[in-house]
PDB file of N, CA and C in Angstrom:
ATOM      1  N   MET A   1       0.581  -1.668  -0.043  1.00  0.00           N
ATOM      2  CA  MET A   1       0.136   0.249   0.132  1.00  0.00           C
ATOM      3  C   MET A   1       0.796   1.455  -0.327  1.00  0.00           C
ATOM      4  N   PRO A   2       1.737   2.016  -1.295  1.00  0.00           N
ATOM      5  CA  PRO A   2       2.410   3.058  -1.223  1.00  0.00           C
ATOM      6  C   PRO A   2       1.739   4.000  -0.654  1.00  0.00           C
ATOM      7  N   TYR A   3       1.830   4.822   0.005  1.00  0.00           N
ATOM      8  CA  TYR A   3       1.519   6.358   0.494  1.00  0.00           C
ATOM      9  C   TYR A   3       2.842   7.411  -0.263  1.00  0.00           C
ATOM     10  N   VAL A   4       2.789   8.194  -1.357  1.00  0.00           N
ATOM     11  CA  VAL A   4       3.133   9.470  -1.504  1.00  0.00           C
ATOM     12  C   VAL A   4       2.986  10.675  -1.257  1.00  0.00           C
ATOM     13  N   ASN A   5       3.680  11.454  -0.822  1.00  0.00           N
ATOM     14  CA  ASN A   5       3.567  12.923  -0.386  1.00  0.00           C
ATOM     15  C   ASN A   5       4.181  14.026  -0.815  1.00  0.00           C
ATOM     16  N   ILE A   6       3.450  14.860  -1.593  1.00  0.00           N
ATOM     17  CA  ILE A   6       4.171  15.687  -2.596  1.00  0.00           C
ATOM     18  C   ILE A   6       3.648  16.895  -1.830  1.00  0.00           C
ATOM     19  N   ARG A   7       5.011  17.868  -1.471  1.00  0.00           N
ATOM     20  CA  ARG A   7       5.050  18.944  -0.470  1.00  0.00           C
ATOM     21  C   ARG A   7       5.335  20.175  -1.862  1.00  0.00           C
ATOM     22  N   ILE A   8       4.138  21.208  -1.658  1.00  0.00           N
ATOM     23  CA  ILE A   8       4.626  22.272  -2.632  1.00  0.00           C
ATOM     24  C   ILE A   8       4.446  23.807  -2.092  1.00  0.00           C
ATOM     25  N   THR A   9       5.129  24.658  -2.675  1.00  0.00           N
ATOM     26  CA  THR A   9       4.414  25.760  -2.129  1.00  0.00           C
ATOM     27  C   THR A   9       2.811  26.101  -2.227  1.00  0.00           C
ATOM     28  N   ARG A  10       2.016  27.031  -1.935  1.00  0.00           N
ATOM     29  CA  ARG A  10       0.874  27.876  -2.288  1.00  0.00           C
ATOM     30  C   ARG A  10       1.241  28.907  -3.292  1.00  0.00           C
ATOM     31  N   ASP A  11       1.906  28.479  -4.203  1.00  0.00           N
ATOM     32  CA  ASP A  11       1.906  29.526  -5.290  1.00  0.00           C
ATOM     33  C   ASP A  11       0.682  29.213  -6.771  1.00  0.00           C
ATOM     34  N   GLY A  12      -0.044  28.834  -6.560  1.00  0.00           N
ATOM     35  CA  GLY A  12      -0.742  28.709  -7.695  1.00  0.00           C
ATOM     36  C   GLY A  12      -1.615  27.803  -8.325  1.00  0.00           C
ATOM     37  N   ALA A  13      -1.287  26.265  -7.700  1.00  0.00           N
ATOM     38  CA  ALA A  13      -1.652  24.819  -8.110  1.00  0.00           C
ATOM     39  C   ALA A  13      -2.597  24.959  -8.131  1.00  0.00           C
ATOM     40  N   THR A  14      -3.455  24.386  -9.788  1.00  0.00           N
ATOM     41  CA  THR A  14      -4.428  24.653 -10.165  1.00  0.00           C
ATOM     42  C   THR A  14      -5.175  22.821  -9.340  1.00  0.00           C
ATOM     43  N   PRO A  15      -6.415  23.373  -8.807  1.00  0.00           N
ATOM     44  CA  PRO A  15      -7.059  21.837  -8.938  1.00  0.00           C
ATOM     45  C   PRO A  15      -6.585  20.523 -10.092  1.00  0.00           C
ATOM     46  N   GLU A  16      -6.558  21.044 -11.290  1.00  0.00           N
ATOM     47  CA  GLU A  16      -6.679  20.576 -12.195  1.00  0.00           C
ATOM     48  C   GLU A  16      -5.061  19.915 -12.460  1.00  0.00           C
ATOM     49  N   GLN A  17      -4.027  21.179 -11.606  1.00  0.00           N
ATOM     50  CA  GLN A  17      -2.716  20.421 -11.748  1.00  0.00           C
ATOM     51  C   GLN A  17      -2.399  19.699 -10.959  1.00  0.00           C
ATOM     52  N   LYS A  18      -3.157  19.701  -9.666  1.00  0.00           N
ATOM     53  CA  LYS A  18      -2.690  18.776  -8.614  1.00  0.00           C
ATOM     54  C   LYS A  18      -3.720  17.510  -9.076  1.00  0.00           C
ATOM     55  N   ALA A  19      -4.533  17.260  -9.468  1.00  0.00           N
ATOM     56  CA  ALA A  19      -5.262  15.951 -10.162  1.00  0.00           C
ATOM     57  C   ALA A  19      -4.072  15.081 -11.087  1.00  0.00           C
ATOM     58  N   GLU A  20      -3.766  15.748 -11.672  1.00  0.00           N
ATOM     59  CA  GLU A  20      -2.146  15.108 -12.842  1.00  0.00           C
ATOM     60  C   GLU A  20      -1.480  14.721 -12.058  1.00  0.00           C
ATOM     61  N   LEU A  21      -0.949  15.409 -11.142  1.00  0.00           N
ATOM     62  CA  LEU A  21       0.088  15.340 -10.541  1.00  0.00           C
ATOM     63  C   LEU A  21      -0.217  13.752  -9.618  1.00  0.00           C
ATOM     64  N   ILE A  22      -1.625  13.658  -9.350  1.00  0.00           N
ATOM     65  CA  ILE A  22      -2.155  12.227  -8.245  1.00  0.00           C
ATOM     66  C   ILE A  22      -1.811  11.202  -9.433  1.00  0.00           C
ATOM     67  N   ARG A  23      -2.680  11.502 -10.933  1.00  0.00           N
ATOM     68  CA  ARG A  23      -2.399  10.446 -11.619  1.00  0.00           C
ATOM     69  C   ARG A  23      -0.977  10.170 -12.193  1.00  0.00           C
ATOM     70  N   GLY A  24      -0.526  10.977 -12.390  1.00  0.00           N
ATOM     71  CA  GLY A  24       1.179  10.666 -13.073  1.00  0.00           C
ATOM     72  C   GLY A  24       1.785   9.784 -11.676  1.00  0.00           C
ATOM     73  N   VAL A  25       1.738   9.878 -10.305  1.00  0.00           N
ATOM     74  CA  VAL A  25       2.298   9.294  -9.641  1.00  0.00           C
ATOM     75  C   VAL A  25       1.678   8.146  -9.114  1.00  0.00           C
ATOM     76  N   THR A  26       0.449   7.794  -9.401  1.00  0.00           N
ATOM     77  CA  THR A  26      -0.446   6.536  -9.408  1.00  0.00           C
ATOM     78  C   THR A  26       0.548   5.626 -10.562  1.00  0.00           C
ATOM     79  N   ASP A  27       0.269   5.788 -11.934  1.00  0.00           N
ATOM     80  CA  ASP A  27       0.584   5.169 -12.791  1.00  0.00           C
ATOM     81  C   ASP A  27       1.704   5.045 -13.240  1.00  0.00           C
ATOM     82  N   LEU A  28       3.007   5.965 -12.617  1.00  0.00           N
ATOM     83  CA  LEU A  28       4.471   5.502 -12.332  1.00  0.00           C
ATOM     84  C   LEU A  28       4.664   4.693 -10.984  1.00  0.00           C
ATOM     85  N   LEU A  29       3.788   4.591 -10.078  1.00  0.00           N
ATOM     86  CA  LEU A  29       4.140   3.149  -9.407  1.00  0.00           C
ATOM     87  C   LEU A  29       3.050   1.571  -9.797  1.00  0.00           C
ATOM     88  N   VAL A  30       2.164   2.017 -10.722  1.00  0.00           N
ATOM     89  CA  VAL A  30       1.494   0.831 -11.418  1.00  0.00           C
ATOM     90  C   VAL A  30       2.395   0.422 -12.686  1.00  0.00           C
ATOM     91  N   ARG A  31       3.277   1.015 -13.167  1.00  0.00           N
ATOM     92  CA  ARG A  31       4.195   0.769 -14.112  1.00  0.00           C
ATOM     93  C   ARG A  31       5.470   0.453 -13.788  1.00  0.00           C
ATOM     94  N   VAL A  32       6.491   0.971 -12.674  1.00  0.00           N
ATOM     95  CA  VAL A  32       7.052   0.607 -11.736  1.00  0.00           C
ATOM     96  C   VAL A  32       7.596  -0.649 -11.070  1.00  0.00           C
ATOM     97  N   LEU A  33       6.589  -0.259 -10.156  1.00  0.00           N
ATOM     98  CA  LEU A  33       6.667  -1.272  -8.978  1.00  0.00           C
ATOM     99  C   LEU A  33       5.044  -2.554  -8.974  1.00  0.00           C
ATOM    100  N   ASP A  34       4.680  -2.635 -10.230  1.00  0.00           N
ATOM    101  CA  ASP A  34       3.340  -3.251 -10.021  1.00  0.00           C
ATOM    102  C   ASP A  34       1.969  -2.638  -8.842  1.00  0.00           C
ATOM    103  N   LYS A  35       2.298  -1.532  -8.827  1.00  0.00           N
ATOM    104  CA  LYS A  35       1.204  -1.705  -7.228  1.00  0.00           C
ATOM    105  C   LYS A  35      -0.351  -1.319  -7.790  1.00  0.00           C
ATOM    106  N   ASN A  36      -1.382  -1.436  -6.999  1.00  0.00           N
ATOM    107  CA  ASN A  36      -2.284  -1.545  -7.368  1.00  0.00           C
ATOM    108  C   ASN A  36      -3.041  -0.153  -6.802  1.00  0.00           C
ATOM    109  N   PRO A  37      -3.040   0.643  -8.002  1.00  0.00           N
ATOM    110  CA  PRO A  37      -4.007   1.950  -7.591  1.00  0.00           C
ATOM    111  C   PRO A  37      -4.987   1.677  -6.558  1.00  0.00           C
ATOM    112  N   ALA A  38      -6.579   0.897  -6.552  1.00  0.00           N
ATOM    113  CA  ALA A  38      -6.733   1.147  -5.412  1.00  0.00           C
ATOM    114  C   ALA A  38      -6.313   1.577  -3.860  1.00  0.00           C
ATOM    115  N   THR A  39      -4.867   0.987  -4.128  1.00  0.00           N
ATOM    116  CA  THR A  39      -4.384   0.637  -2.614  1.00  0.00           C
ATOM    117  C   THR A  39      -3.222   1.729  -2.833  1.00  0.00           C
ATOM    118  N   THR A  40      -3.485   3.048  -3.319  1.00  0.00           N
ATOM    119  CA  THR A  40      -2.124   3.787  -4.068  1.00  0.00           C
ATOM    120  C   THR A  40      -1.841   4.857  -3.122  1.00  0.00           C
ATOM    121  N   PHE A  41      -2.295   6.153  -2.386  1.00  0.00           N
ATOM    122  CA  PHE A  41      -2.630   7.356  -1.414  1.00  0.00           C
ATOM    123  C   PHE A  41      -1.850   7.865  -2.189  1.00  0.00           C
ATOM    124  N   VAL A  42      -1.843   9.126  -2.435  1.00  0.00           N
ATOM    125  CA  VAL A  42      -1.427  10.379  -3.278  1.00  0.00           C
ATOM    126  C   VAL A  42      -1.575  11.275  -2.138  1.00  0.00           C
ATOM    127  N   VAL A  43      -1.001  11.942  -1.487  1.00  0.00           N
ATOM    128  CA  VAL A  43      -1.771  13.231  -1.087  1.00  0.00           C
ATOM    129  C   VAL A  43      -0.118  14.567  -0.801  1.00  0.00           C
ATOM    130  N   ILE A  44      -0.969  15.492  -1.493  1.00  0.00           N
ATOM    131  CA  ILE A  44      -0.658  16.828  -1.547  1.00  0.00           C
ATOM    132  C   ILE A  44      -0.531  17.512  -0.575  1.00  0.00           C
ATOM    133  N   ASP A  45       1.019  18.824   0.324  1.00  0.00           N
ATOM    134  CA  ASP A  45       0.434  19.169   1.059  1.00  0.00           C
ATOM    135  C   ASP A  45       1.187  20.910   0.102  1.00  0.00           C
ATOM    136  N   GLU A  46       0.069  21.609   0.566  1.00  0.00           N
ATOM    137  CA  GLU A  46       0.989  23.425   0.356  1.00  0.00           C
ATOM    138  C   GLU A  46       1.090  24.019   1.602  1.00  0.00           C
ATOM    139  N   VAL A  47       2.783  24.506   1.274  1.00  0.00           N
ATOM    140  CA  VAL A  47       3.394  24.986   1.973  1.00  0.00           C
ATOM    141  C   VAL A  47       3.017  26.688   2.261  1.00  0.00           C
ATOM    142  N   ALA A  48       2.582  27.275   3.067  1.00  0.00           N
ATOM    143  CA  ALA A  48       3.042  28.247   2.967  1.00  0.00           C
ATOM    144  C   ALA A  48       4.352  29.412   2.029  1.00  0.00           C
ATOM    145  N   MET A  49       4.411  30.108   1.346  1.00  0.00           N
ATOM    146  CA  MET A  49       5.876  30.557   0.854  1.00  0.00           C
ATOM    147  C   MET A  49       6.275  31.107   2.078  1.00  0.00           C
ATOM    148  N   GLU A  50       6.392  31.485   3.213  1.00  0.00           N
ATOM    149  CA  GLU A  50       6.735  32.110   4.231  1.00  0.00           C
ATOM    150  C   GLU A  50       7.577  30.814   5.418  1.00  0.00           C
ATOM    151  N   ASP A  51       6.737  29.668   5.169  1.00  0.00           N
ATOM    152  CA  ASP A  51       7.882  28.338   5.701  1.00  0.00           C
ATOM    153  C   ASP A  51       7.962  27.509   4.935  1.00  0.00           C
ATOM    154  N   TRP A  52       9.436  27.774   3.523  1.00  0.00           N
ATOM    155  CA  TRP A  52       9.253  27.543   2.510  1.00  0.00           C
ATOM    156  C   TRP A  52      11.084  27.916   2.959  1.00  0.00           C
ATOM    157  N   GLY A  53      12.480  27.078   2.657  1.00  0.00           N
ATOM    158  CA  GLY A  53      13.167  28.311   2.157  1.00  0.00           C
ATOM    159  C   GLY A  53      14.410  26.651   1.345  1.00  0.00           C
ATOM    160  N   VAL A  54      15.027  27.734   0.889  1.00  0.00           N
ATOM    161  CA  VAL A  54      16.010  26.919  -0.273  1.00  0.00           C
ATOM    162  C   VAL A  54      17.382  27.853  -0.390  1.00  0.00           C
ATOM    163  N   GLY A  55      18.506  26.749  -0.164  1.00  0.00           N
ATOM    164  CA  GLY A  55      19.583  27.970  -0.031  1.00  0.00           C
ATOM    165  C   GLY A  55      19.857  28.675   1.073  1.00  0.00           C
ATOM    166  N   GLY A  56      19.278  28.692   2.001  1.00  0.00           N
ATOM    167  CA  GLY A  56      19.552  29.559   3.342  1.00  0.00           C
ATOM    168  C   GLY A  56      18.483  30.842   3.471  1.00  0.00           C
ATOM    169  N   LEU A  57      17.755  30.714   2.491  1.00  0.00           N
ATOM    170  CA  LEU A  57      16.319  31.709   2.185  1.00  0.00           C
ATOM    171  C   LEU A  57      15.022  31.239   2.365  1.00  0.00           C
ATOM    172  N   PRO A  58      14.207  32.068   2.778  1.00  0.00           N
ATOM    173  CA  PRO A  58      13.047  31.976   2.572  1.00  0.00           C
ATOM    174  C   PRO A  58      12.707  32.113   0.788  1.00  0.00           C
ATOM    175  N   VAL A  59      12.057  31.059   0.182  1.00  0.00           N
ATOM    176  CA  VAL A  59      11.906  30.959  -0.754  1.00  0.00           C
ATOM    177  C   VAL A  59      11.251  31.955  -1.706  1.00  0.00           C
ATOM    178  N   GLU A  60      10.712  33.366  -1.411  1.00  0.00           N
ATOM    179  CA  GLU A  60      10.557  34.412  -1.977  1.00  0.00           C
ATOM    180  C   GLU A  60      11.971  35.212  -2.201  1.00  0.00           C
ATOM    181  N   ASP A  61      12.948  35.143  -1.150  1.00  0.00           N
ATOM    182  CA  ASP A  61      13.887  36.108  -1.563  1.00  0.00           C
ATOM    183  C   ASP A  61      14.634  34.686  -1.882  1.00  0.00           C
ATOM    184  N   TYR A  62      15.087  33.939  -1.957  1.00  0.00           N
ATOM    185  CA  TYR A  62      15.987  32.938  -3.577  1.00  0.00           C
ATOM    186  C   TYR A  62      15.152  33.015  -4.028  1.00  0.00           C
ATOM    187  N   ASN A  63      14.274  33.549  -5.161  1.00  0.00           N
ATOM    188  CA  ASN A  63      13.597  33.722  -6.263  1.00  0.00           C
ATOM    189  C   ASN A  63      13.685  34.789  -6.748  1.00  0.00           C
ATOM    190  N   ARG A  64      13.812  35.683  -6.071  1.00  0.00           N
ATOM    191  CA  ARG A  64      13.993  37.212  -6.223  1.00  0.00           C
ATOM    192  C   ARG A  64      15.499  37.510  -6.521  1.00  0.00           C
ATOM    193  N   SER A  65      16.358  36.628  -6.109  1.00  0.00           N
ATOM    194  CA  SER A  65      18.286  36.823  -5.795  1.00  0.00           C
ATOM    195  C   SER A  65      17.662  36.242  -7.247  1.00  0.00           C
ATOM    196  N   LEU A  66      16.947  34.830  -8.122  1.00  0.00           N
ATOM    197  CA  LEU A  66      17.780  34.217  -9.004  1.00  0.00           C
ATOM    198  C   LEU A  66      17.367  34.861 -10.874  1.00  0.00           C
ATOM    199  N   GLU A  67      16.310  36.373 -10.029  1.00  0.00           N
ATOM    200  CA  GLU A  67      16.096  37.247 -10.717  1.00  0.00           C
ATOM    201  C   GLU A  67      16.677  38.528 -11.255  1.00  0.00           C
ATOM    202  N   GLN A  68      17.899  38.815 -10.368  1.00  0.00           N
ATOM    203  CA  GLN A  68      18.802  40.193 -10.052  1.00  0.00           C
ATOM    204  C   GLN A  68      19.847  39.706 -11.258  1.00  0.00           C
ATOM    205  N   PRO A  69      20.282  40.915 -11.643  1.00  0.00           N
ATOM    206  CA  PRO A  69      21.616  40.048 -12.819  1.00  0.00           C
ATOM    207  C   PRO A  69      23.127  40.113 -12.274  1.00  0.00           C
ATOM    208  N   SER A  70      23.732  38.905 -12.521  1.00  0.00           N
ATOM    209  CA  SER A  70      24.769  39.339 -11.306  1.00  0.00           C
ATOM    210  C   SER A  70      25.967  40.001 -12.539  1.00  0.00           C
TER     211      SER A  70
END
């Protein structure tokens, strides 16, 4: 009984995109590991931007640093 947890920031993933993620992960587990889709669980957690960090920075600051010319 596989359980997959996907964490993304709350930056606008649509319900359709989330459904595609769930479908795609389930299909991958069926194809690669021969898992039963009826007992495969996929959970998507959305995390507030201020609660996510990358490279020692809050993700919004990190994204801004990528936009700045060096």
